[in-house]
Amino acid sequence: MHYRNGREAKNGDKIVSLNGGQIESVGVLNDAVPGNDYCNGQIVSATGISGLACLCDCLHLDDVAEMLKEKGLDKRPAGK
């Protein structure tokens, strides 16, 4: 099981689900079964199940944070 960027997917990961470049949901991956990168598992948010996890449309939250850091968006602007 792998996310869009090739990172190995594991149940319990905090993930972001994308739809056409837009964030569709954020939560924890549950019930995913090895051997399938498509509709596999569920995304569970603080308010409950927010949908199926199509792993090829998901990214690990740590990878999203790293992208923000690369763009300099990981820190609040000075004076704000």
Protein backbone atom coordinates (compact mmCIF):
# COMPACT_ATOMS: atom_id res chain seq x y z
CA MET A 1 0.00 0.00 0.00
CA HIS A 2 1.43 3.35 -1.02
CA TYR A 3 0.37 6.99 -1.13
CA ARG A 4 0.48 9.19 -4.23
CA ASN A 5 4.15 10.09 -3.66
CA GLY A 6 5.23 6.46 -3.16
CA ARG A 7 5.48 6.51 0.64
CA GLU A 8 4.37 3.26 2.27
CA ALA A 9 0.87 3.52 3.76
CA LYS A 10 0.09 2.10 7.20
CA ASN A 11 -3.10 1.98 9.24
CA GLY A 12 -2.94 4.68 11.90
CA ASP A 13 -1.20 7.22 9.62
CA LYS A 14 -2.48 10.80 9.67
CA ILE A 15 -3.37 11.56 6.05
CA VAL A 16 -4.76 14.16 3.66
CA SER A 17 -7.09 13.04 0.87
CA LEU A 18 -6.96 15.06 -2.36
CA ASN A 19 -9.59 15.52 -5.06
CA GLY A 20 -8.44 17.36 -8.17
CA GLY A 21 -5.69 19.16 -6.26
CA GLN A 22 -8.04 20.25 -3.47
CA ILE A 23 -8.01 18.86 0.07
CA GLU A 24 -11.10 16.71 0.46
CA SER A 25 -10.56 15.36 3.98
CA VAL A 26 -8.01 14.96 6.75
CA GLY A 27 -7.93 12.12 9.25
CA VAL A 28 -6.44 8.79 10.26
CA LEU A 29 -6.18 5.81 7.92
CA ASN A 30 -8.05 2.74 9.22
CA ASP A 31 -8.96 -0.69 7.86
CA ALA A 32 -6.63 -0.55 4.84
CA VAL A 33 -5.58 -3.95 3.49
CA PRO A 34 -2.11 -4.58 1.97
CA GLY A 35 -1.93 -5.00 -1.80
CA ASN A 36 -4.30 -2.25 -2.86
CA ASP A 37 -3.53 1.45 -3.53
CA TYR A 38 -7.05 2.42 -4.58
CA CYS A 39 -10.28 2.51 -2.54
CA ASN A 40 -8.82 0.78 0.46
CA GLY A 41 -9.65 1.65 4.04
CA GLN A 42 -11.40 4.56 5.67
CA ILE A 43 -10.40 8.06 6.70
CA VAL A 44 -11.54 8.72 10.26
CA SER A 45 -11.67 12.36 11.37
CA ALA A 46 -12.42 13.82 14.78
CA THR A 47 -16.11 13.87 13.81
CA GLY A 48 -16.22 10.25 12.58
CA ILE A 49 -15.68 8.46 9.27
CA SER A 50 -15.23 11.01 6.50
CA GLY A 51 -14.95 8.63 3.56
CA LEU A 52 -13.04 5.93 1.76
CA ALA A 53 -9.30 6.25 1.40
CA CYS A 54 -8.20 6.01 -2.21
CA LEU A 55 -4.50 5.80 -1.31
CA CYS A 56 -3.33 6.99 -4.73
CA ASP A 57 -5.16 10.26 -3.90
CA CYS A 58 -3.72 10.59 -0.37
CA LEU A 59 -0.56 11.96 1.22
CA HIS A 60 0.87 11.39 4.69
CA LEU A 61 0.48 14.52 6.82
CA ASP A 62 4.26 14.58 7.51
CA ASP A 63 4.89 14.85 3.75
CA VAL A 64 2.44 17.75 3.46
CA ALA A 65 4.23 19.49 6.36
CA GLU A 66 7.56 18.98 4.57
CA MET A 67 6.15 20.57 1.39
CA LEU A 68 5.04 23.59 3.41
CA LYS A 69 8.50 23.82 4.97
CA GLU A 70 10.16 23.70 1.52
CA LYS A 71 8.01 26.70 0.50
CA GLY A 72 8.84 28.59 3.70
CA LEU A 73 5.27 28.30 4.97
CA ASP A 74 6.09 26.38 8.14
CA LYS A 75 6.55 29.49 10.27
CA ARG A 76 4.25 32.36 11.03
CA PRO A 77 5.34 35.65 9.36
CA ALA A 78 7.18 38.08 11.63
CA GLY A 79 4.96 40.62 13.37
CA LYS A 80 1.77 38.60 12.95
